[in-house]
């Protein structure tokens, strides 16, 4: 695998590479290609795997809270969850909190997550190999800090 081991050229102050949005979207597409290349073997997208992982960690989370954790708008989240619900991996909670719908993993969802986990681990390793272990850790910390600074 090709490892990126050079420092990027500084962005021109008025060029397209100075755009935070472009830099973030490029990074997201690069990472998504790696993870979906691995997870596709079990028919999962990177977003679906993340949803299953979050539901494992936070059983009976509301759709609104899941959307917040995924940094997705609710409509996009519902579209992404639909195939997981259709196959029975994700089910709505028995109790609804007011109008809030809760979600949790079924036994089949746990199985899907278990099938995907070794592929996710391989994707993690590939990303680290391609960008460097230290750089990958720094990237994750920075990416997480960006979303923690919201209003």
N, C-alpha and C. Protein backbone atom coordinates (compact mmCIF):
# COMPACT_ATOMS: atom_id res chain seq x y z
N UNK A 1 0.82 -1.18 0.00
CA UNK A 1 0.00 0.00 0.00
C UNK A 1 0.86 1.24 0.00
N UNK A 2 0.39 2.23 -0.68
CA UNK A 2 1.11 3.49 -0.74
C UNK A 2 0.89 4.26 0.56
N UNK A 3 1.96 4.63 1.20
CA UNK A 3 1.87 5.42 2.42
C UNK A 3 2.16 6.86 2.09
N UNK A 4 1.32 7.75 2.55
CA UNK A 4 1.54 9.17 2.36
C UNK A 4 2.53 9.60 3.42
N UNK A 5 3.74 9.96 3.01
CA UNK A 5 4.75 10.34 3.99
C UNK A 5 5.39 11.68 3.68
N UNK A 6 4.64 12.51 3.04
CA UNK A 6 5.17 13.84 2.75
C UNK A 6 4.21 14.88 3.30
N UNK A 7 4.75 16.05 3.57
CA UNK A 7 3.89 17.13 4.04
C UNK A 7 3.20 17.77 2.84
N UNK A 8 1.93 18.08 2.99
CA UNK A 8 1.24 18.71 1.87
C UNK A 8 1.78 20.10 1.61
N UNK A 9 1.64 20.54 0.39
CA UNK A 9 2.01 21.90 0.05
C UNK A 9 1.04 22.83 0.77
N UNK A 10 1.52 23.94 1.28
CA UNK A 10 0.59 24.86 1.94
C UNK A 10 -0.45 25.36 0.94
N UNK A 11 -1.66 25.50 1.42
CA UNK A 11 -2.74 25.97 0.56
C UNK A 11 -2.48 27.42 0.15
N UNK A 12 -2.79 27.72 -1.10
CA UNK A 12 -2.71 29.10 -1.54
C UNK A 12 -3.85 29.85 -0.86
N UNK A 13 -3.59 31.05 -0.33
CA UNK A 13 -4.63 31.76 0.43
C UNK A 13 -5.93 31.99 -0.35
N UNK A 14 -5.82 32.06 -1.67
CA UNK A 14 -7.03 32.30 -2.45
C UNK A 14 -7.36 31.14 -3.39
N UNK A 15 -6.69 30.01 -3.23
CA UNK A 15 -6.92 28.86 -4.09
C UNK A 15 -7.95 27.91 -3.50
N UNK A 16 -8.39 26.92 -4.29
CA UNK A 16 -9.42 26.00 -3.82
C UNK A 16 -8.97 25.15 -2.63
N UNK A 17 -7.67 24.86 -2.52
CA UNK A 17 -7.21 24.05 -1.40
C UNK A 17 -7.28 24.78 -0.06
N UNK A 18 -7.52 26.07 -0.07
CA UNK A 18 -7.67 26.82 1.17
C UNK A 18 -9.06 26.61 1.78
N UNK A 19 -9.95 26.01 1.02
CA UNK A 19 -11.34 25.83 1.46
C UNK A 19 -11.44 24.69 2.49
N UNK A 20 -11.92 25.00 3.68
CA UNK A 20 -12.09 23.99 4.72
C UNK A 20 -13.07 22.91 4.29
N UNK A 21 -14.13 23.32 3.61
CA UNK A 21 -15.14 22.36 3.17
C UNK A 21 -14.55 21.37 2.16
N UNK A 22 -13.81 21.87 1.19
CA UNK A 22 -13.20 20.98 0.20
C UNK A 22 -12.24 20.01 0.86
N UNK A 23 -11.42 20.50 1.78
CA UNK A 23 -10.46 19.63 2.46
C UNK A 23 -11.19 18.54 3.25
N UNK A 24 -12.24 18.92 3.96
CA UNK A 24 -13.01 17.95 4.73
C UNK A 24 -13.71 16.93 3.86
N UNK A 25 -14.30 17.39 2.76
CA UNK A 25 -15.01 16.48 1.86
C UNK A 25 -14.04 15.52 1.17
N UNK A 26 -12.88 16.03 0.77
CA UNK A 26 -11.87 15.15 0.16
C UNK A 26 -11.45 14.06 1.13
N UNK A 27 -11.17 14.46 2.37
CA UNK A 27 -10.77 13.49 3.39
C UNK A 27 -11.87 12.47 3.62
N UNK A 28 -13.11 12.94 3.69
CA UNK A 28 -14.23 12.03 3.92
C UNK A 28 -14.37 11.03 2.78
N UNK A 29 -14.21 11.49 1.55
CA UNK A 29 -14.32 10.58 0.40
C UNK A 29 -13.19 9.56 0.39
N UNK A 30 -11.98 9.99 0.72
CA UNK A 30 -10.83 9.10 0.79
C UNK A 30 -11.06 7.99 1.82
N UNK A 31 -11.48 8.38 3.01
CA UNK A 31 -11.71 7.42 4.08
C UNK A 31 -12.89 6.51 3.75
N UNK A 32 -13.95 7.07 3.21
CA UNK A 32 -15.13 6.27 2.86
C UNK A 32 -14.77 5.19 1.84
N UNK A 33 -13.95 5.53 0.85
CA UNK A 33 -13.54 4.52 -0.14
C UNK A 33 -12.82 3.36 0.52
N UNK A 34 -11.97 3.65 1.47
CA UNK A 34 -11.24 2.58 2.17
C UNK A 34 -12.22 1.69 2.94
N UNK A 35 -13.05 2.31 3.77
CA UNK A 35 -13.95 1.53 4.63
C UNK A 35 -15.02 0.79 3.84
N UNK A 36 -15.59 1.42 2.84
CA UNK A 36 -16.62 0.73 2.07
C UNK A 36 -16.03 -0.34 1.18
N UNK A 37 -14.75 -0.19 0.80
CA UNK A 37 -14.08 -1.25 0.06
C UNK A 37 -13.99 -2.53 0.88
N UNK A 38 -13.83 -2.39 2.18
CA UNK A 38 -13.77 -3.55 3.06
C UNK A 38 -15.18 -4.02 3.47
N UNK A 39 -16.01 -3.11 3.96
CA UNK A 39 -17.32 -3.47 4.49
C UNK A 39 -18.28 -3.96 3.42
N UNK A 40 -18.04 -3.58 2.18
CA UNK A 40 -18.90 -4.02 1.08
C UNK A 40 -18.95 -5.54 0.95
N UNK A 41 -17.94 -6.24 1.44
CA UNK A 41 -17.92 -7.70 1.37
C UNK A 41 -19.08 -8.33 2.14
N UNK A 42 -19.61 -7.62 3.15
CA UNK A 42 -20.77 -8.13 3.88
C UNK A 42 -22.02 -7.27 3.62
N UNK A 43 -21.94 -6.42 2.60
CA UNK A 43 -23.10 -5.64 2.20
C UNK A 43 -23.44 -4.49 3.12
N UNK A 44 -22.44 -3.94 3.80
CA UNK A 44 -22.67 -2.79 4.67
C UNK A 44 -21.95 -1.56 4.13
N UNK A 45 -22.58 -0.42 4.29
CA UNK A 45 -21.89 0.84 4.02
C UNK A 45 -21.18 1.25 5.31
N UNK A 46 -20.28 2.20 5.21
CA UNK A 46 -19.59 2.68 6.40
C UNK A 46 -20.58 3.32 7.37
N UNK A 47 -21.57 4.03 6.86
CA UNK A 47 -22.58 4.64 7.73
C UNK A 47 -23.41 3.58 8.44
N UNK A 48 -23.80 2.54 7.73
CA UNK A 48 -24.58 1.48 8.36
C UNK A 48 -23.79 0.78 9.46
N UNK A 49 -22.50 0.51 9.20
CA UNK A 49 -21.67 -0.10 10.23
C UNK A 49 -21.58 0.81 11.45
N UNK A 50 -21.41 2.10 11.23
CA UNK A 50 -21.33 3.05 12.34
C UNK A 50 -22.63 3.05 13.13
N UNK A 51 -23.76 3.01 12.44
CA UNK A 51 -25.05 2.98 13.12
C UNK A 51 -25.17 1.73 13.99
N UNK A 52 -24.82 0.58 13.43
CA UNK A 52 -24.89 -0.66 14.21
C UNK A 52 -23.98 -0.56 15.44
N UNK A 53 -22.80 0.02 15.28
CA UNK A 53 -21.86 0.17 16.40
C UNK A 53 -22.42 1.08 17.49
N UNK A 54 -23.03 2.17 17.07
CA UNK A 54 -23.61 3.10 18.04
C UNK A 54 -24.79 2.45 18.76
N UNK A 55 -25.62 1.71 18.02
CA UNK A 55 -26.75 1.04 18.65
C UNK A 55 -26.30 -0.04 19.64
N UNK A 56 -25.17 -0.67 19.35
CA UNK A 56 -24.63 -1.64 20.31
C UNK A 56 -24.21 -0.94 21.60
N UNK A 57 -23.59 0.20 21.46
CA UNK A 57 -23.08 0.95 22.62
C UNK A 57 -24.19 1.65 23.39
N UNK A 58 -25.21 2.13 22.65
CA UNK A 58 -26.30 2.91 23.25
C UNK A 58 -27.65 2.29 22.89
N UNK A 59 -28.01 1.20 23.53
CA UNK A 59 -29.30 0.55 23.21
C UNK A 59 -30.47 1.51 23.47
N UNK A 60 -31.46 1.41 22.63
CA UNK A 60 -32.68 2.23 22.75
C UNK A 60 -32.42 3.73 22.66
N UNK A 61 -31.46 4.12 21.83
CA UNK A 61 -31.19 5.52 21.55
C UNK A 61 -32.32 6.06 20.68
N UNK A 62 -32.64 7.31 20.84
CA UNK A 62 -33.68 7.90 19.98
C UNK A 62 -33.10 8.21 18.61
N UNK A 63 -33.98 8.30 17.63
CA UNK A 63 -33.55 8.64 16.27
C UNK A 63 -32.86 10.00 16.27
N UNK A 64 -33.40 10.94 17.02
CA UNK A 64 -32.82 12.28 17.08
C UNK A 64 -31.40 12.24 17.65
N UNK A 65 -31.20 11.48 18.73
CA UNK A 65 -29.87 11.38 19.33
C UNK A 65 -28.90 10.63 18.41
N UNK A 66 -29.39 9.60 17.74
CA UNK A 66 -28.54 8.87 16.79
C UNK A 66 -28.11 9.79 15.65
N UNK A 67 -29.04 10.59 15.14
CA UNK A 67 -28.71 11.54 14.08
C UNK A 67 -27.65 12.53 14.56
N UNK A 68 -27.78 12.97 15.80
CA UNK A 68 -26.79 13.90 16.36
C UNK A 68 -25.42 13.23 16.46
N UNK A 69 -25.37 12.02 16.95
CA UNK A 69 -24.09 11.30 17.08
C UNK A 69 -23.46 11.01 15.72
N UNK A 70 -24.29 10.79 14.71
CA UNK A 70 -23.80 10.51 13.36
C UNK A 70 -23.49 11.78 12.59
N UNK A 71 -23.91 12.93 13.13
CA UNK A 71 -23.74 14.21 12.44
C UNK A 71 -24.47 14.17 11.09
N UNK A 72 -25.71 13.63 11.13
CA UNK A 72 -26.55 13.50 9.93
C UNK A 72 -27.89 14.17 10.21
N UNK A 73 -28.51 14.68 9.17
CA UNK A 73 -29.87 15.17 9.39
C UNK A 73 -30.79 13.94 9.51
N UNK A 74 -31.90 14.14 10.19
CA UNK A 74 -32.80 13.04 10.53
C UNK A 74 -33.29 12.30 9.29
N UNK A 75 -33.64 13.02 8.24
CA UNK A 75 -34.16 12.38 7.02
C UNK A 75 -33.12 11.46 6.39
N UNK A 76 -31.88 11.91 6.30
CA UNK A 76 -30.81 11.08 5.75
C UNK A 76 -30.59 9.86 6.63
N UNK A 77 -30.62 10.05 7.94
CA UNK A 77 -30.45 8.93 8.85
C UNK A 77 -31.55 7.89 8.65
N UNK A 78 -32.78 8.33 8.56
CA UNK A 78 -33.90 7.40 8.38
C UNK A 78 -33.73 6.60 7.09
N UNK A 79 -33.27 7.25 6.01
CA UNK A 79 -33.01 6.54 4.74
C UNK A 79 -31.89 5.52 4.89
N UNK A 80 -30.88 5.86 5.67
CA UNK A 80 -29.74 4.96 5.87
C UNK A 80 -30.12 3.77 6.76
N UNK A 81 -30.99 4.00 7.73
CA UNK A 81 -31.42 2.94 8.65
C UNK A 81 -32.45 2.00 7.99
N UNK A 82 -33.20 2.51 7.03
CA UNK A 82 -34.30 1.72 6.45
C UNK A 82 -33.88 0.31 5.99
N UNK A 83 -32.78 0.15 5.21
CA UNK A 83 -32.41 -1.21 4.82
C UNK A 83 -32.06 -2.11 6.01
N UNK A 84 -31.50 -1.51 7.07
CA UNK A 84 -31.18 -2.28 8.27
C UNK A 84 -32.46 -2.72 8.98
N UNK A 85 -33.47 -1.87 8.96
CA UNK A 85 -34.77 -2.24 9.54
C UNK A 85 -35.45 -3.29 8.67
N UNK A 86 -35.39 -3.10 7.35
CA UNK A 86 -36.03 -4.05 6.42
C UNK A 86 -35.46 -5.46 6.57
N UNK A 87 -34.15 -5.57 6.81
CA UNK A 87 -33.54 -6.90 6.96
C UNK A 87 -33.67 -7.42 8.39
N UNK A 88 -34.19 -6.57 9.30
CA UNK A 88 -34.40 -7.00 10.67
C UNK A 88 -33.22 -6.81 11.60
N UNK A 89 -32.18 -6.11 11.16
CA UNK A 89 -31.01 -5.87 12.00
C UNK A 89 -31.27 -4.80 13.05
N UNK A 90 -32.12 -3.84 12.72
CA UNK A 90 -32.47 -2.75 13.61
C UNK A 90 -33.98 -2.76 13.79
N UNK A 91 -34.42 -2.63 15.03
CA UNK A 91 -35.85 -2.60 15.32
C UNK A 91 -36.17 -1.40 16.19
N UNK A 92 -37.41 -0.96 16.07
CA UNK A 92 -37.86 0.14 16.91
C UNK A 92 -38.14 -0.39 18.31
N UNK A 93 -37.90 0.47 19.29
CA UNK A 93 -38.15 0.08 20.68
C UNK A 93 -39.63 -0.14 20.92
N UNK A 94 -39.92 -0.95 21.92
CA UNK A 94 -41.32 -1.23 22.26
C UNK A 94 -42.00 -0.01 22.86
N UNK A 95 -41.22 0.74 23.64
CA UNK A 95 -41.78 1.94 24.24
C UNK A 95 -41.31 3.15 23.45
N UNK A 96 -42.21 4.06 23.24
CA UNK A 96 -41.84 5.31 22.59
C UNK A 96 -41.84 6.40 23.65
N UNK A 97 -40.84 7.24 23.60
CA UNK A 97 -40.71 8.33 24.55
C UNK A 97 -41.42 9.56 23.98
N UNK A 98 -42.69 9.73 24.34
CA UNK A 98 -43.47 10.79 23.73
C UNK A 98 -43.60 10.48 22.25
N UNK A 99 -43.11 11.38 21.40
CA UNK A 99 -43.12 11.14 19.96
C UNK A 99 -41.79 10.59 19.47
N UNK A 100 -40.80 10.49 20.37
CA UNK A 100 -39.46 10.04 19.97
C UNK A 100 -39.46 8.53 19.75
N UNK A 101 -38.92 8.12 18.63
CA UNK A 101 -38.79 6.70 18.31
C UNK A 101 -37.41 6.24 18.77
N UNK A 102 -37.37 5.09 19.44
CA UNK A 102 -36.09 4.53 19.86
C UNK A 102 -35.73 3.36 18.95
N UNK A 103 -34.44 3.10 18.83
CA UNK A 103 -33.94 2.02 17.98
C UNK A 103 -33.01 1.14 18.80
N UNK A 104 -32.98 -0.15 18.42
CA UNK A 104 -31.99 -1.03 19.02
C UNK A 104 -31.66 -2.16 18.06
N UNK A 105 -30.56 -2.85 18.36
CA UNK A 105 -30.13 -3.98 17.54
C UNK A 105 -30.96 -5.21 17.86
N UNK A 106 -31.29 -5.95 16.84
CA UNK A 106 -31.87 -7.28 17.03
C UNK A 106 -30.71 -8.27 17.13
N UNK A 107 -31.03 -9.53 17.36
CA UNK A 107 -29.98 -10.56 17.36
C UNK A 107 -29.30 -10.59 15.99
N UNK A 108 -30.08 -10.40 14.93
CA UNK A 108 -29.51 -10.36 13.58
C UNK A 108 -28.59 -9.16 13.39
N UNK A 109 -28.90 -8.05 14.04
CA UNK A 109 -28.05 -6.86 13.98
C UNK A 109 -26.73 -7.09 14.66
N UNK A 110 -26.76 -7.82 15.77
CA UNK A 110 -25.51 -8.17 16.46
C UNK A 110 -24.66 -9.05 15.55
N UNK A 111 -25.30 -9.99 14.85
CA UNK A 111 -24.58 -10.86 13.92
C UNK A 111 -23.97 -10.05 12.79
N UNK A 112 -24.74 -9.11 12.22
CA UNK A 112 -24.21 -8.26 11.14
C UNK A 112 -23.01 -7.46 11.62
N UNK A 113 -23.10 -6.93 12.81
CA UNK A 113 -21.99 -6.16 13.37
C UNK A 113 -20.77 -7.06 13.56
N UNK A 114 -20.99 -8.26 14.07
CA UNK A 114 -19.88 -9.21 14.25
C UNK A 114 -19.25 -9.59 12.91
N UNK A 115 -20.05 -9.71 11.86
CA UNK A 115 -19.52 -10.01 10.53
C UNK A 115 -18.67 -8.86 9.99
N UNK A 116 -19.13 -7.66 10.28
CA UNK A 116 -18.44 -6.48 9.77
C UNK A 116 -17.21 -6.06 10.55
N UNK A 117 -17.16 -6.42 11.81
CA UNK A 117 -16.07 -5.93 12.67
C UNK A 117 -14.67 -6.27 12.16
N UNK A 118 -14.38 -7.52 11.72
CA UNK A 118 -13.03 -7.79 11.22
C UNK A 118 -12.70 -6.98 9.96
N UNK A 119 -13.71 -6.70 9.14
CA UNK A 119 -13.50 -5.89 7.94
C UNK A 119 -13.25 -4.44 8.32
N UNK A 120 -13.96 -3.95 9.33
CA UNK A 120 -13.73 -2.60 9.84
C UNK A 120 -12.31 -2.49 10.39
N UNK A 121 -11.87 -3.52 11.13
CA UNK A 121 -10.51 -3.52 11.67
C UNK A 121 -9.48 -3.49 10.55
N UNK A 122 -9.74 -4.21 9.48
CA UNK A 122 -8.84 -4.20 8.32
C UNK A 122 -8.81 -2.81 7.69
N UNK A 123 -9.96 -2.14 7.62
CA UNK A 123 -10.02 -0.79 7.07
C UNK A 123 -9.25 0.18 7.96
N UNK A 124 -9.38 0.02 9.27
CA UNK A 124 -8.63 0.86 10.20
C UNK A 124 -7.12 0.71 9.94
N UNK A 125 -6.68 -0.55 9.81
CA UNK A 125 -5.25 -0.81 9.56
C UNK A 125 -4.82 -0.21 8.23
N UNK A 126 -5.65 -0.36 7.19
CA UNK A 126 -5.28 0.19 5.88
C UNK A 126 -5.13 1.70 5.95
N UNK A 127 -6.06 2.37 6.63
CA UNK A 127 -5.96 3.82 6.76
C UNK A 127 -4.66 4.20 7.48
N UNK A 128 -4.35 3.50 8.56
CA UNK A 128 -3.11 3.79 9.29
C UNK A 128 -1.88 3.54 8.42
N UNK A 129 -1.91 2.48 7.62
CA UNK A 129 -0.78 2.18 6.74
C UNK A 129 -0.62 3.25 5.66
N UNK A 130 -1.74 3.75 5.17
CA UNK A 130 -1.68 4.72 4.08
C UNK A 130 -1.26 6.10 4.54
N UNK A 131 -1.67 6.50 5.74
CA UNK A 131 -1.35 7.87 6.18
C UNK A 131 -0.34 7.90 7.32
N UNK A 132 -0.06 6.76 7.92
CA UNK A 132 0.83 6.71 9.08
C UNK A 132 0.02 6.60 10.36
N UNK A 133 0.51 5.78 11.27
CA UNK A 133 -0.24 5.52 12.51
C UNK A 133 -0.43 6.79 13.35
N UNK A 134 0.63 7.55 13.52
CA UNK A 134 0.54 8.78 14.31
C UNK A 134 -0.37 9.79 13.64
N UNK A 135 -0.23 9.95 12.32
CA UNK A 135 -1.07 10.90 11.58
C UNK A 135 -2.54 10.49 11.64
N UNK A 136 -2.80 9.19 11.57
CA UNK A 136 -4.18 8.70 11.65
C UNK A 136 -4.78 9.04 13.01
N UNK A 137 -4.02 8.84 14.07
CA UNK A 137 -4.50 9.17 15.42
C UNK A 137 -4.74 10.67 15.55
N UNK A 138 -3.83 11.46 15.03
CA UNK A 138 -4.00 12.92 15.07
C UNK A 138 -5.22 13.36 14.27
N UNK A 139 -5.40 12.72 13.10
CA UNK A 139 -6.55 13.06 12.26
C UNK A 139 -7.85 12.79 13.02
N UNK A 140 -7.95 11.62 13.67
CA UNK A 140 -9.16 11.27 14.42
C UNK A 140 -9.41 12.27 15.52
N UNK A 141 -8.36 12.63 16.28
CA UNK A 141 -8.52 13.59 17.37
C UNK A 141 -9.01 14.94 16.85
N UNK A 142 -8.40 15.40 15.76
CA UNK A 142 -8.80 16.68 15.20
C UNK A 142 -10.23 16.62 14.67
N UNK A 143 -10.56 15.54 13.96
CA UNK A 143 -11.91 15.41 13.40
C UNK A 143 -12.95 15.38 14.52
N UNK A 144 -12.67 14.67 15.59
CA UNK A 144 -13.62 14.62 16.72
C UNK A 144 -13.71 15.97 17.42
N UNK A 145 -12.61 16.68 17.50
CA UNK A 145 -12.64 17.99 18.17
C UNK A 145 -13.46 19.00 17.38
N UNK A 146 -13.46 18.88 16.06
CA UNK A 146 -14.21 19.82 15.21
C UNK A 146 -15.70 19.74 15.55
N UNK A 147 -16.23 18.54 15.64
CA UNK A 147 -17.68 18.41 15.92
C UNK A 147 -18.01 18.68 17.37
N UNK A 148 -17.02 18.65 18.26
CA UNK A 148 -17.30 18.95 19.67
C UNK A 148 -17.40 20.46 19.92
N UNK A 149 -17.02 21.28 18.94
CA UNK A 149 -17.06 22.73 19.10
C UNK A 149 -18.34 23.36 18.55
N UNK A 150 -19.37 22.58 18.42
CA UNK A 150 -20.63 23.11 17.88
C UNK A 150 -21.37 23.92 18.94
N UNK A 151 -22.28 24.75 18.46
CA UNK A 151 -23.12 25.54 19.39
C UNK A 151 -24.12 24.66 20.05
